[in-house]
Amino acid sequence: MTFGTWLFTKMRGELVGSDEQGNRYFQDKRLIDGRRRKRWVMYNGEAEASRVPPDWHGWLHYTTDTSPPPGGMPRKPWQKEHLPNLTGTPLAYHPPGSSVAASENKPKPSYEAWRPG
């Protein structure tokens, strides 16, 4: 967080809520006729947009005007837990056959090439 963001938040920000990761969500205290109130997030740690859960993403992008309840929205049994973008980390997905994957995980060819006899 930069000094400017911190100062802007202290002067004009109204805390709306926070998520499980400790990110805090704010909106502008001022209400100007004909305009939407500015909304933003203060990340707890690295500023990475994929760390915003879907509940808060909808609120940040004005999809909904109500903020999620503490603990998040109720989940359906088929919904997976939110995962941030893991690209560039040791936990990143590497498909079989990629240059980063181990040599024993190389896929077998799906066909045998024809060789003239």
PDB file of N, CA and C in Angstrom:
ATOM      1  N   MET A   1       0.842  -1.164   0.000  1.00  0.00           N
ATOM      2  CA  MET A   1       0.000   0.000   0.000  1.00  0.00           C
ATOM      3  C   MET A   1       0.891   1.232   0.000  1.00  0.00           C
ATOM      4  N   THR A   2       0.554   2.157  -0.839  1.00  0.00           N
ATOM      5  CA  THR A   2       1.335   3.388  -0.919  1.00  0.00           C
ATOM      6  C   THR A   2       0.815   4.397   0.105  1.00  0.00           C
ATOM      7  N   PHE A   3       1.612   5.410   0.356  1.00  0.00           N
ATOM      8  CA  PHE A   3       1.213   6.453   1.291  1.00  0.00           C
ATOM      9  C   PHE A   3      -0.029   7.180   0.789  1.00  0.00           C
ATOM     10  N   GLY A   4      -0.099   7.431  -0.514  1.00  0.00           N
ATOM     11  CA  GLY A   4      -1.249   8.110  -1.095  1.00  0.00           C
ATOM     12  C   GLY A   4      -2.542   7.323  -0.914  1.00  0.00           C
ATOM     13  N   THR A   5      -2.482   6.013  -1.113  1.00  0.00           N
ATOM     14  CA  THR A   5      -3.660   5.169  -0.931  1.00  0.00           C
ATOM     15  C   THR A   5      -4.083   5.162   0.533  1.00  0.00           C
ATOM     16  N   TRP A   6      -3.118   5.065   1.421  1.00  0.00           N
ATOM     17  CA  TRP A   6      -3.414   5.071   2.846  1.00  0.00           C
ATOM     18  C   TRP A   6      -4.080   6.384   3.252  1.00  0.00           C
ATOM     19  N   LEU A   7      -3.538   7.511   2.782  1.00  0.00           N
ATOM     20  CA  LEU A   7      -4.072   8.818   3.124  1.00  0.00           C
ATOM     21  C   LEU A   7      -5.482   9.002   2.540  1.00  0.00           C
ATOM     22  N   PHE A   8      -5.674   8.605   1.278  1.00  0.00           N
ATOM     23  CA  PHE A   8      -6.994   8.700   0.638  1.00  0.00           C
ATOM     24  C   PHE A   8      -8.017   7.885   1.423  1.00  0.00           C
ATOM     25  N   THR A   9      -7.624   6.698   1.855  1.00  0.00           N
ATOM     26  CA  THR A   9      -8.524   5.827   2.602  1.00  0.00           C
ATOM     27  C   THR A   9      -8.878   6.438   3.954  1.00  0.00           C
ATOM     28  N   LYS A  10      -7.897   7.005   4.633  1.00  0.00           N
ATOM     29  CA  LYS A  10      -8.152   7.632   5.936  1.00  0.00           C
ATOM     30  C   LYS A  10      -9.074   8.837   5.808  1.00  0.00           C
ATOM     31  N   MET A  11      -8.905   9.621   4.757  1.00  0.00           N
ATOM     32  CA  MET A  11      -9.680  10.845   4.609  1.00  0.00           C
ATOM     33  C   MET A  11     -11.081  10.595   4.039  1.00  0.00           C
ATOM     34  N   ARG A  12     -11.193   9.709   3.049  1.00  0.00           N
ATOM     35  CA  ARG A  12     -12.452   9.577   2.319  1.00  0.00           C
ATOM     36  C   ARG A  12     -13.068   8.196   2.389  1.00  0.00           C
ATOM     37  N   GLY A  13     -12.406   7.243   3.021  1.00  0.00           N
ATOM     38  CA  GLY A  13     -12.908   5.873   3.012  1.00  0.00           C
ATOM     39  C   GLY A  13     -13.816   5.528   4.177  1.00  0.00           C
ATOM     40  N   GLU A  14     -14.812   4.719   3.870  1.00  0.00           N
ATOM     41  CA  GLU A  14     -15.732   4.186   4.865  1.00  0.00           C
ATOM     42  C   GLU A  14     -15.624   2.666   4.779  1.00  0.00           C
ATOM     43  N   LEU A  15     -15.208   2.018   5.878  1.00  0.00           N
ATOM     44  CA  LEU A  15     -15.035   0.569   5.883  1.00  0.00           C
ATOM     45  C   LEU A  15     -16.381  -0.114   5.712  1.00  0.00           C
ATOM     46  N   VAL A  16     -16.455  -1.022   4.749  1.00  0.00           N
ATOM     47  CA  VAL A  16     -17.688  -1.760   4.477  1.00  0.00           C
ATOM     48  C   VAL A  16     -17.600  -3.160   5.057  1.00  0.00           C
ATOM     49  N   GLY A  17     -16.423  -3.771   4.979  1.00  0.00           N
ATOM     50  CA  GLY A  17     -16.259  -5.122   5.505  1.00  0.00           C
ATOM     51  C   GLY A  17     -14.897  -5.683   5.159  1.00  0.00           C
ATOM     52  N   SER A  18     -14.706  -6.952   5.501  1.00  0.00           N
ATOM     53  CA  SER A  18     -13.444  -7.644   5.201  1.00  0.00           C
ATOM     54  C   SER A  18     -13.754  -9.094   4.855  1.00  0.00           C
ATOM     55  N   ASP A  19     -12.760  -9.766   4.273  1.00  0.00           N
ATOM     56  CA  ASP A  19     -12.937 -11.166   3.897  1.00  0.00           C
ATOM     57  C   ASP A  19     -12.065 -12.068   4.760  1.00  0.00           C
ATOM     58  N   GLU A  20     -12.067 -13.369   4.443  1.00  0.00           N
ATOM     59  CA  GLU A  20     -11.321 -14.367   5.218  1.00  0.00           C
ATOM     60  C   GLU A  20      -9.815 -14.141   5.163  1.00  0.00           C
ATOM     61  N   GLN A  21      -9.320 -13.536   4.086  1.00  0.00           N
ATOM     62  CA  GLN A  21      -7.882 -13.320   3.924  1.00  0.00           C
ATOM     63  C   GLN A  21      -7.396 -12.056   4.619  1.00  0.00           C
ATOM     64  N   GLY A  22      -8.312 -11.274   5.173  1.00  0.00           N
ATOM     65  CA  GLY A  22      -7.936 -10.043   5.849  1.00  0.00           C
ATOM     66  C   GLY A  22      -7.961  -8.821   4.947  1.00  0.00           C
ATOM     67  N   ASN A  23      -8.385  -8.961   3.699  1.00  0.00           N
ATOM     68  CA  ASN A  23      -8.538  -7.806   2.809  1.00  0.00           C
ATOM     69  C   ASN A  23      -9.697  -6.952   3.326  1.00  0.00           C
ATOM     70  N   ARG A  24      -9.538  -5.643   3.285  1.00  0.00           N
ATOM     71  CA  ARG A  24     -10.582  -4.738   3.756  1.00  0.00           C
ATOM     72  C   ARG A  24     -11.158  -3.960   2.576  1.00  0.00           C
ATOM     73  N   TYR A  25     -12.482  -3.780   2.580  1.00  0.00           N
ATOM     74  CA  TYR A  25     -13.194  -3.164   1.472  1.00  0.00           C
ATOM     75  C   TYR A  25     -13.798  -1.840   1.926  1.00  0.00           C
ATOM     76  N   PHE A  26     -13.622  -0.808   1.096  1.00  0.00           N
ATOM     77  CA  PHE A  26     -14.041   0.546   1.430  1.00  0.00           C
ATOM     78  C   PHE A  26     -14.905   1.127   0.324  1.00  0.00           C
ATOM     79  N   GLN A  27     -15.677   2.145   0.698  1.00  0.00           N
ATOM     80  CA  GLN A  27     -16.371   2.968  -0.278  1.00  0.00           C
ATOM     81  C   GLN A  27     -16.243   4.420   0.152  1.00  0.00           C
ATOM     82  N   ASP A  28     -16.418   5.316  -0.808  1.00  0.00           N
ATOM     83  CA  ASP A  28     -16.289   6.746  -0.559  1.00  0.00           C
ATOM     84  C   ASP A  28     -17.369   7.208   0.414  1.00  0.00           C
ATOM     85  N   LYS A  29     -16.992   8.031   1.376  1.00  0.00           N
ATOM     86  CA  LYS A  29     -17.959   8.575   2.341  1.00  0.00           C
ATOM     87  C   LYS A  29     -18.940   9.523   1.665  1.00  0.00           C
ATOM     88  N   ARG A  30     -18.453  10.248   0.662  1.00  0.00           N
ATOM     89  CA  ARG A  30     -19.283  11.254   0.005  1.00  0.00           C
ATOM     90  C   ARG A  30     -20.264  10.606  -0.963  1.00  0.00           C
ATOM     91  N   LEU A  31     -21.440  11.166  -1.021  1.00  0.00           N
ATOM     92  CA  LEU A  31     -22.450  10.727  -1.969  1.00  0.00           C
ATOM     93  C   LEU A  31     -22.779  11.909  -2.870  1.00  0.00           C
ATOM     94  N   ILE A  32     -22.396  11.817  -4.139  1.00  0.00           N
ATOM     95  CA  ILE A  32     -22.602  12.894  -5.110  1.00  0.00           C
ATOM     96  C   ILE A  32     -23.770  12.504  -5.998  1.00  0.00           C
ATOM     97  N   ASP A  33     -24.720  13.438  -6.168  1.00  0.00           N
ATOM     98  CA  ASP A  33     -25.905  13.159  -6.993  1.00  0.00           C
ATOM     99  C   ASP A  33     -25.509  12.732  -8.402  1.00  0.00           C
ATOM    100  N   GLY A  34     -26.127  11.648  -8.867  1.00  0.00           N
ATOM    101  CA  GLY A  34     -25.900  11.177 -10.226  1.00  0.00           C
ATOM    102  C   GLY A  34     -24.626  10.363 -10.416  1.00  0.00           C
ATOM    103  N   ARG A  35     -23.893  10.114  -9.341  1.00  0.00           N
ATOM    104  CA  ARG A  35     -22.647   9.337  -9.464  1.00  0.00           C
ATOM    105  C   ARG A  35     -22.647   8.198  -8.451  1.00  0.00           C
ATOM    106  N   ARG A  36     -21.929   7.145  -8.818  1.00  0.00           N
ATOM    107  CA  ARG A  36     -21.769   6.023  -7.895  1.00  0.00           C
ATOM    108  C   ARG A  36     -20.649   6.327  -6.910  1.00  0.00           C
ATOM    109  N   ARG A  37     -20.727   5.725  -5.747  1.00  0.00           N
ATOM    110  CA  ARG A  37     -19.661   5.898  -4.766  1.00  0.00           C
ATOM    111  C   ARG A  37     -18.475   5.018  -5.176  1.00  0.00           C
ATOM    112  N   LYS A  38     -17.289   5.564  -5.093  1.00  0.00           N
ATOM    113  CA  LYS A  38     -16.078   4.827  -5.443  1.00  0.00           C
ATOM    114  C   LYS A  38     -15.888   3.682  -4.443  1.00  0.00           C
ATOM    115  N   ARG A  39     -15.474   2.508  -4.927  1.00  0.00           N
ATOM    116  CA  ARG A  39     -15.231   1.335  -4.080  1.00  0.00           C
ATOM    117  C   ARG A  39     -13.821   0.825  -4.337  1.00  0.00           C
ATOM    118  N   TRP A  40     -13.151   0.356  -3.288  1.00  0.00           N
ATOM    119  CA  TRP A  40     -11.804  -0.183  -3.457  1.00  0.00           C
ATOM    120  C   TRP A  40     -11.485  -1.171  -2.352  1.00  0.00           C
ATOM    121  N   VAL A  41     -10.388  -1.887  -2.545  1.00  0.00           N
ATOM    122  CA  VAL A  41      -9.933  -2.898  -1.593  1.00  0.00           C
ATOM    123  C   VAL A  41      -8.523  -2.560  -1.133  1.00  0.00           C
ATOM    124  N   MET A  42      -8.262  -2.790   0.148  1.00  0.00           N
ATOM    125  CA  MET A  42      -6.915  -2.682   0.713  1.00  0.00           C
ATOM    126  C   MET A  42      -6.492  -4.117   1.027  1.00  0.00           C
ATOM    127  N   TYR A  43      -5.503  -4.610   0.288  1.00  0.00           N
ATOM    128  CA  TYR A  43      -5.084  -6.003   0.430  1.00  0.00           C
ATOM    129  C   TYR A  43      -4.281  -6.210   1.703  1.00  0.00           C
ATOM    130  N   ASN A  44      -4.461  -7.365   2.292  1.00  0.00           N
ATOM    131  CA  ASN A  44      -3.654  -7.785   3.423  1.00  0.00           C
ATOM    132  C   ASN A  44      -2.482  -8.583   2.843  1.00  0.00           C
ATOM    133  N   GLY A  45      -1.372  -7.929   2.628  1.00  0.00           N
ATOM    134  CA  GLY A  45      -0.224  -8.576   1.992  1.00  0.00           C
ATOM    135  C   GLY A  45      -0.092  -8.122   0.554  1.00  0.00           C
ATOM    136  N   GLU A  46       0.298  -9.056  -0.306  1.00  0.00           N
ATOM    137  CA  GLU A  46       0.545  -8.736  -1.716  1.00  0.00           C
ATOM    138  C   GLU A  46      -0.738  -8.298  -2.419  1.00  0.00           C
ATOM    139  N   ALA A  47      -0.647  -7.227  -3.183  1.00  0.00           N
ATOM    140  CA  ALA A  47      -1.799  -6.730  -3.946  1.00  0.00           C
ATOM    141  C   ALA A  47      -1.952  -7.568  -5.207  1.00  0.00           C
ATOM    142  N   GLU A  48      -2.817  -8.547  -5.155  1.00  0.00           N
ATOM    143  CA  GLU A  48      -3.065  -9.463  -6.267  1.00  0.00           C
ATOM    144  C   GLU A  48      -4.579  -9.570  -6.448  1.00  0.00           C
ATOM    145  N   ALA A  49      -5.081  -9.123  -7.585  1.00  0.00           N
ATOM    146  CA  ALA A  49      -6.520  -9.048  -7.820  1.00  0.00           C
ATOM    147  C   ALA A  49      -7.221 -10.394  -7.693  1.00  0.00           C
ATOM    148  N   SER A  50      -6.541 -11.486  -7.964  1.00  0.00           N
ATOM    149  CA  SER A  50      -7.195 -12.791  -7.879  1.00  0.00           C
ATOM    150  C   SER A  50      -7.423 -13.211  -6.428  1.00  0.00           C
ATOM    151  N   ARG A  51      -6.952 -12.429  -5.470  1.00  0.00           N
ATOM    152  CA  ARG A  51      -7.188 -12.736  -4.056  1.00  0.00           C
ATOM    153  C   ARG A  51      -8.544 -12.225  -3.577  1.00  0.00           C
ATOM    154  N   VAL A  52      -9.280 -11.535  -4.433  1.00  0.00           N
ATOM    155  CA  VAL A  52     -10.616 -11.045  -4.075  1.00  0.00           C
ATOM    156  C   VAL A  52     -11.607 -12.182  -4.304  1.00  0.00           C
ATOM    157  N   PRO A  53     -12.318 -12.624  -3.255  1.00  0.00           N
ATOM    158  CA  PRO A  53     -13.304 -13.702  -3.428  1.00  0.00           C
ATOM    159  C   PRO A  53     -14.472 -13.254  -4.316  1.00  0.00           C
ATOM    160  N   PRO A  54     -15.190 -14.199  -4.922  1.00  0.00           N
ATOM    161  CA  PRO A  54     -16.291 -13.857  -5.824  1.00  0.00           C
ATOM    162  C   PRO A  54     -17.362 -12.976  -5.175  1.00  0.00           C
ATOM    163  N   ASP A  55     -17.639 -13.194  -3.887  1.00  0.00           N
ATOM    164  CA  ASP A  55     -18.658 -12.386  -3.200  1.00  0.00           C
ATOM    165  C   ASP A  55     -18.301 -10.909  -3.251  1.00  0.00           C
ATOM    166  N   TRP A  56     -17.060 -10.612  -2.907  1.00  0.00           N
ATOM    167  CA  TRP A  56     -16.617  -9.224  -2.865  1.00  0.00           C
ATOM    168  C   TRP A  56     -16.359  -8.673  -4.266  1.00  0.00           C
ATOM    169  N   HIS A  57     -16.001  -9.530  -5.204  1.00  0.00           N
ATOM    170  CA  HIS A  57     -15.790  -9.085  -6.585  1.00  0.00           C
ATOM    171  C   HIS A  57     -17.069  -8.467  -7.142  1.00  0.00           C
ATOM    172  N   GLY A  58     -18.197  -9.107  -6.879  1.00  0.00           N
ATOM    173  CA  GLY A  58     -19.475  -8.577  -7.337  1.00  0.00           C
ATOM    174  C   GLY A  58     -19.771  -7.211  -6.745  1.00  0.00           C
ATOM    175  N   TRP A  59     -19.462  -7.031  -5.467  1.00  0.00           N
ATOM    176  CA  TRP A  59     -19.698  -5.737  -4.830  1.00  0.00           C
ATOM    177  C   TRP A  59     -18.752  -4.679  -5.378  1.00  0.00           C
ATOM    178  N   LEU A  60     -17.465  -5.013  -5.552  1.00  0.00           N
ATOM    179  CA  LEU A  60     -16.488  -4.054  -6.063  1.00  0.00           C
ATOM    180  C   LEU A  60     -16.856  -3.544  -7.448  1.00  0.00           C
ATOM    181  N   HIS A  61     -17.440  -4.413  -8.269  1.00  0.00           N
ATOM    182  CA  HIS A  61     -17.751  -4.067  -9.651  1.00  0.00           C
ATOM    183  C   HIS A  61     -19.207  -3.665  -9.841  1.00  0.00           C
ATOM    184  N   TYR A  62     -19.872  -3.291  -8.748  1.00  0.00           N
ATOM    185  CA  TYR A  62     -21.233  -2.757  -8.780  1.00  0.00           C
ATOM    186  C   TYR A  62     -22.257  -3.741  -9.342  1.00  0.00           C
ATOM    187  N   THR A  63     -21.977  -5.037  -9.279  1.00  0.00           N
ATOM    188  CA  THR A  63     -22.956  -6.035  -9.690  1.00  0.00           C
ATOM    189  C   THR A  63     -24.089  -6.075  -8.664  1.00  0.00           C
ATOM    190  N   THR A  64     -23.725  -5.863  -7.399  1.00  0.00           N
ATOM    191  CA  THR A  64     -24.693  -5.804  -6.320  1.00  0.00           C
ATOM    192  C   THR A  64     -24.368  -4.616  -5.422  1.00  0.00           C
ATOM    193  N   ASP A  65     -25.395  -4.053  -4.805  1.00  0.00           N
ATOM    194  CA  ASP A  65     -25.177  -2.919  -3.909  1.00  0.00           C
ATOM    195  C   ASP A  65     -25.037  -3.350  -2.459  1.00  0.00           C
ATOM    196  N   THR A  66     -25.363  -4.602  -2.168  1.00  0.00           N
ATOM    197  CA  THR A  66     -25.235  -5.082  -0.793  1.00  0.00           C
ATOM    198  C   THR A  66     -23.930  -5.836  -0.640  1.00  0.00           C
ATOM    199  N   SER A  67     -23.209  -5.528   0.424  1.00  0.00           N
ATOM    200  CA  SER A  67     -21.946  -6.225   0.668  1.00  0.00           C
ATOM    201  C   SER A  67     -22.244  -7.618   1.230  1.00  0.00           C
ATOM    202  N   PRO A  68     -21.335  -8.573   1.018  1.00  0.00           N
ATOM    203  CA  PRO A  68     -21.549  -9.922   1.533  1.00  0.00           C
ATOM    204  C   PRO A  68     -21.580  -9.923   3.060  1.00  0.00           C
ATOM    205  N   PRO A  69     -22.315 -10.852   3.651  1.00  0.00           N
ATOM    206  CA  PRO A  69     -22.335 -10.933   5.113  1.00  0.00           C
ATOM    207  C   PRO A  69     -20.991 -11.424   5.647  1.00  0.00           C
ATOM    208  N   PRO A  70     -20.689 -11.186   6.918  1.00  0.00           N
ATOM    209  CA  PRO A  70     -19.441 -11.724   7.482  1.00  0.00           C
ATOM    210  C   PRO A  70     -19.384 -13.240   7.288  1.00  0.00           C
ATOM    211  N   GLY A  71     -18.253 -13.728   6.836  1.00  0.00           N
ATOM    212  CA  GLY A  71     -18.099 -15.152   6.551  1.00  0.00           C
ATOM    213  C   GLY A  71     -18.441 -15.512   5.117  1.00  0.00           C
ATOM    214  N   GLY A  72     -18.924 -14.556   4.332  1.00  0.00           N
ATOM    215  CA  GLY A  72     -19.217 -14.798   2.924  1.00  0.00           C
ATOM    216  C   GLY A  72     -20.626 -15.290   2.689  1.00  0.00           C
ATOM    217  N   MET A  73     -20.959 -15.410   1.418  1.00  0.00           N
ATOM    218  CA  MET A  73     -22.288 -15.879   1.011  1.00  0.00           C
ATOM    219  C   MET A  73     -22.390 -17.383   1.249  1.00  0.00           C
ATOM    220  N   PRO A  74     -23.610 -17.901   1.471  1.00  0.00           N
ATOM    221  CA  PRO A  74     -23.761 -19.352   1.619  1.00  0.00           C
ATOM    222  C   PRO A  74     -23.320 -20.066   0.340  1.00  0.00           C
ATOM    223  N   ARG A  75     -22.639 -21.158   0.497  1.00  0.00           N
ATOM    224  CA  ARG A  75     -22.106 -21.905  -0.644  1.00  0.00           C
ATOM    225  C   ARG A  75     -22.989 -23.089  -0.994  1.00  0.00           C
ATOM    226  N   LYS A  76     -23.098 -23.347  -2.273  1.00  0.00           N
ATOM    227  CA  LYS A  76     -23.786 -24.538  -2.761  1.00  0.00           C
ATOM    228  C   LYS A  76     -22.820 -25.718  -2.626  1.00  0.00           C
ATOM    229  N   PRO A  77     -23.331 -26.940  -2.516  1.00  0.00           N
ATOM    230  CA  PRO A  77     -22.440 -28.093  -2.345  1.00  0.00           C
ATOM    231  C   PRO A  77     -21.485 -28.301  -3.520  1.00  0.00           C
ATOM    232  N   TRP A  78     -21.875 -27.852  -4.714  1.00  0.00           N
ATOM    233  CA  TRP A  78     -21.043 -28.064  -5.896  1.00  0.00           C
ATOM    234  C   TRP A  78     -20.000 -26.980  -6.087  1.00  0.00           C
ATOM    235  N   GLN A  79     -20.022 -25.908  -5.301  1.00  0.00           N
ATOM    236  CA  GLN A  79     -19.057 -24.821  -5.465  1.00  0.00           C
ATOM    237  C   GLN A  79     -17.734 -25.164  -4.786  1.00  0.00           C
ATOM    238  N   LYS A  80     -16.646 -24.829  -5.471  1.00  0.00           N
ATOM    239  CA  LYS A  80     -15.313 -25.036  -4.907  1.00  0.00           C
ATOM    240  C   LYS A  80     -14.902 -23.817  -4.113  1.00  0.00           C
ATOM    241  N   GLU A  81     -13.923 -23.993  -3.235  1.00  0.00           N
ATOM    242  CA  GLU A  81     -13.377 -22.875  -2.482  1.00  0.00           C
ATOM    243  C   GLU A  81     -12.606 -21.963  -3.434  1.00  0.00           C
ATOM    244  N   HIS A  82     -12.586 -20.688  -3.122  1.00  0.00           N
ATOM    245  CA  HIS A  82     -11.866 -19.717  -3.942  1.00  0.00           C
ATOM    246  C   HIS A  82     -10.365 -19.960  -3.853  1.00  0.00           C
ATOM    247  N   LEU A  83      -9.690 -19.964  -5.009  1.00  0.00           N
ATOM    248  CA  LEU A  83      -8.235 -20.082  -5.056  1.00  0.00           C
ATOM    249  C   LEU A  83      -7.666 -18.877  -5.783  1.00  0.00           C
ATOM    250  N   PRO A  84      -6.636 -18.251  -5.215  1.00  0.00           N
ATOM    251  CA  PRO A  84      -6.005 -17.150  -5.941  1.00  0.00           C
ATOM    252  C   PRO A  84      -5.201 -17.694  -7.118  1.00  0.00           C
ATOM    253  N   ASN A  85      -4.775 -16.810  -8.004  1.00  0.00           N
ATOM    254  CA  ASN A  85      -3.958 -17.186  -9.148  1.00  0.00           C
ATOM    255  C   ASN A  85      -2.608 -17.709  -8.652  1.00  0.00           C
ATOM    256  N   LEU A  86      -2.262 -18.934  -9.000  1.00  0.00           N
ATOM    257  CA  LEU A  86      -1.029 -19.558  -8.520  1.00  0.00           C
ATOM    258  C   LEU A  86       0.094 -19.522  -9.555  1.00  0.00           C
ATOM    259  N   THR A  87      -0.101 -18.819 -10.658  1.00  0.00           N
ATOM    260  CA  THR A  87       0.917 -18.722 -11.688  1.00  0.00           C
ATOM    261  C   THR A  87       2.196 -18.128 -11.114  1.00  0.00           C
ATOM    262  N   GLY A  88       3.323 -18.747 -11.415  1.00  0.00           N
ATOM    263  CA  GLY A  88       4.604 -18.244 -10.945  1.00  0.00           C
ATOM    264  C   GLY A  88       4.978 -18.728  -9.561  1.00  0.00           C
ATOM    265  N   THR A  89       4.153 -19.562  -8.968  1.00  0.00           N
ATOM    266  CA  THR A  89       4.458 -20.111  -7.638  1.00  0.00           C
ATOM    267  C   THR A  89       4.772 -21.597  -7.781  1.00  0.00           C
ATOM    268  N   PRO A  90       5.345 -22.210  -6.762  1.00  0.00           N
ATOM    269  CA  PRO A  90       5.591 -23.654  -6.832  1.00  0.00           C
ATOM    270  C   PRO A  90       4.306 -24.476  -6.949  1.00  0.00           C
ATOM    271  N   LEU A  91       3.169 -23.910  -6.580  1.00  0.00           N
ATOM    272  CA  LEU A  91       1.903 -24.633  -6.648  1.00  0.00           C
ATOM    273  C   LEU A  91       1.189 -24.472  -7.991  1.00  0.00           C
ATOM    274  N   ALA A  92       1.806 -23.803  -8.933  1.00  0.00           N
ATOM    275  CA  ALA A  92       1.188 -23.574 -10.236  1.00  0.00           C
ATOM    276  C   ALA A  92       0.964 -24.903 -10.963  1.00  0.00           C
ATOM    277  N   TYR A  93      -0.087 -24.953 -11.777  1.00  0.00           N
ATOM    278  CA  TYR A  93      -0.391 -26.155 -12.551  1.00  0.00           C
ATOM    279  C   TYR A  93       0.545 -26.261 -13.748  1.00  0.00           C
ATOM    280  N   HIS A  94       1.125 -27.433 -13.917  1.00  0.00           N
ATOM    281  CA  HIS A  94       1.965 -27.721 -15.082  1.00  0.00           C
ATOM    282  C   HIS A  94       1.421 -28.994 -15.736  1.00  0.00           C
ATOM    283  N   PRO A  95       0.848 -28.903 -16.915  1.00  0.00           N
ATOM    284  CA  PRO A  95       0.275 -30.089 -17.547  1.00  0.00           C
ATOM    285  C   PRO A  95       1.357 -31.090 -17.914  1.00  0.00           C
ATOM    286  N   PRO A  96       0.973 -32.346 -18.034  1.00  0.00           N
ATOM    287  CA  PRO A  96       1.947 -33.349 -18.444  1.00  0.00           C
ATOM    288  C   PRO A  96       2.561 -32.966 -19.790  1.00  0.00           C
ATOM    289  N   GLY A  97       3.876 -33.089 -19.884  1.00  0.00           N
ATOM    290  CA  GLY A  97       4.563 -32.760 -21.124  1.00  0.00           C
ATOM    291  C   GLY A  97       5.095 -31.344 -21.171  1.00  0.00           C
ATOM    292  N   SER A  98       4.774 -30.518 -20.186  1.00  0.00           N
ATOM    293  CA  SER A  98       5.307 -29.153 -20.198  1.00  0.00           C
ATOM    294  C   SER A  98       6.792 -29.201 -19.871  1.00  0.00           C
ATOM    295  N   SER A  99       7.508 -28.169 -20.262  1.00  0.00           N
ATOM    296  CA  SER A  99       8.951 -28.148 -20.041  1.00  0.00           C
ATOM    297  C   SER A  99       9.297 -28.080 -18.562  1.00  0.00           C
ATOM    298  N   VAL A 100       8.364 -27.672 -17.725  1.00  0.00           N
ATOM    299  CA  VAL A 100       8.622 -27.560 -16.295  1.00  0.00           C
ATOM    300  C   VAL A 100       8.325 -28.862 -15.567  1.00  0.00           C
ATOM    301  N   ALA A 101       7.382 -29.650 -16.086  1.00  0.00           N
ATOM    302  CA  ALA A 101       6.998 -30.904 -15.437  1.00  0.00           C
ATOM    303  C   ALA A 101       8.169 -31.885 -15.448  1.00  0.00           C
ATOM    304  N   ALA A 102       8.178 -32.762 -14.468  1.00  0.00           N
ATOM    305  CA  ALA A 102       9.246 -33.763 -14.359  1.00  0.00           C
ATOM    306  C   ALA A 102       9.205 -34.707 -15.561  1.00  0.00           C
ATOM    307  N   SER A 103      10.372 -35.254 -15.919  1.00  0.00           N
ATOM    308  CA  SER A 103      10.467 -36.094 -17.126  1.00  0.00           C
ATOM    309  C   SER A 103       9.628 -37.362 -17.020  1.00  0.00           C
ATOM    310  N   GLU A 104       9.411 -37.908 -15.830  1.00  0.00           N
ATOM    311  CA  GLU A 104       8.613 -39.129 -15.718  1.00  0.00           C
ATOM    312  C   GLU A 104       7.122 -38.867 -15.913  1.00  0.00           C
ATOM    313  N   ASN A 105       6.721 -37.613 -15.884  1.00  0.00           N
ATOM    314  CA  ASN A 105       5.318 -37.285 -16.082  1.00  0.00           C
ATOM    315  C   ASN A 105       5.004 -36.941 -17.538  1.00  0.00           C
ATOM    316  N   LYS A 106       5.909 -37.199 -18.449  1.00  0.00           N
ATOM    317  CA  LYS A 106       5.675 -36.890 -19.862  1.00  0.00           C
ATOM    318  C   LYS A 106       4.564 -37.800 -20.388  1.00  0.00           C
ATOM    319  N   PRO A 107       3.641 -37.234 -21.148  1.00  0.00           N
ATOM    320  CA  PRO A 107       2.537 -38.056 -21.654  1.00  0.00           C
ATOM    321  C   PRO A 107       3.012 -39.013 -22.741  1.00  0.00           C
ATOM    322  N   LYS A 108       2.319 -40.125 -22.858  1.00  0.00           N
ATOM    323  CA  LYS A 108       2.608 -41.067 -23.936  1.00  0.00           C
ATOM    324  C   LYS A 108       1.941 -40.537 -25.194  1.00  0.00           C
ATOM    325  N   PRO A 109       2.553 -40.747 -26.346  1.00  0.00           N
ATOM    326  CA  PRO A 109       1.913 -40.264 -27.571  1.00  0.00           C
ATOM    327  C   PRO A 109       0.569 -40.956 -27.774  1.00  0.00           C
ATOM    328  N   SER A 110      -0.391 -40.226 -28.303  1.00  0.00           N
ATOM    329  CA  SER A 110      -1.728 -40.788 -28.508  1.00  0.00           C
ATOM    330  C   SER A 110      -1.791 -41.662 -29.768  1.00  0.00           C
ATOM    331  N   TYR A 111      -0.722 -41.679 -30.548  1.00  0.00           N
ATOM    332  CA  TYR A 111      -0.695 -42.516 -31.733  1.00  0.00           C
ATOM    333  C   TYR A 111       0.751 -42.925 -32.010  1.00  0.00           C
ATOM    334  N   GLU A 112       0.921 -43.920 -32.861  1.00  0.00           N
ATOM    335  CA  GLU A 112       2.263 -44.351 -33.268  1.00  0.00           C
ATOM    336  C   GLU A 112       2.459 -43.885 -34.706  1.00  0.00           C
ATOM    337  N   ALA A 113       3.512 -43.152 -34.938  1.00  0.00           N
ATOM    338  CA  ALA A 113       3.748 -42.610 -36.267  1.00  0.00           C
ATOM    339  C   ALA A 113       4.000 -43.724 -37.277  1.00  0.00           C
ATOM    340  N   TRP A 114       3.484 -43.540 -38.462  1.00  0.00           N
ATOM    341  CA  TRP A 114       3.660 -44.534 -39.526  1.00  0.00           C
ATOM    342  C   TRP A 114       5.055 -44.412 -40.097  1.00  0.00           C
ATOM    343  N   ARG A 115       5.682 -45.516 -40.317  1.00  0.00           N
ATOM    344  CA  ARG A 115       7.000 -45.530 -40.940  1.00  0.00           C
ATOM    345  C   ARG A 115       6.925 -46.419 -42.168  1.00  0.00           C
ATOM    346  N   PRO A 116       7.378 -45.926 -43.303  1.00  0.00           N
ATOM    347  CA  PRO A 116       7.306 -46.754 -44.516  1.00  0.00           C
ATOM    348  C   PRO A 116       8.157 -48.012 -44.338  1.00  0.00           C
ATOM    349  N   GLY A 117       7.655 -49.100 -44.801  1.00  0.00           N
ATOM    350  CA  GLY A 117       8.299 -50.384 -44.599  1.00  0.00           C
ATOM    351  C   GLY A 117       9.003 -50.854 -45.744  1.00  0.00           C
TER     352      GLY A 117
END
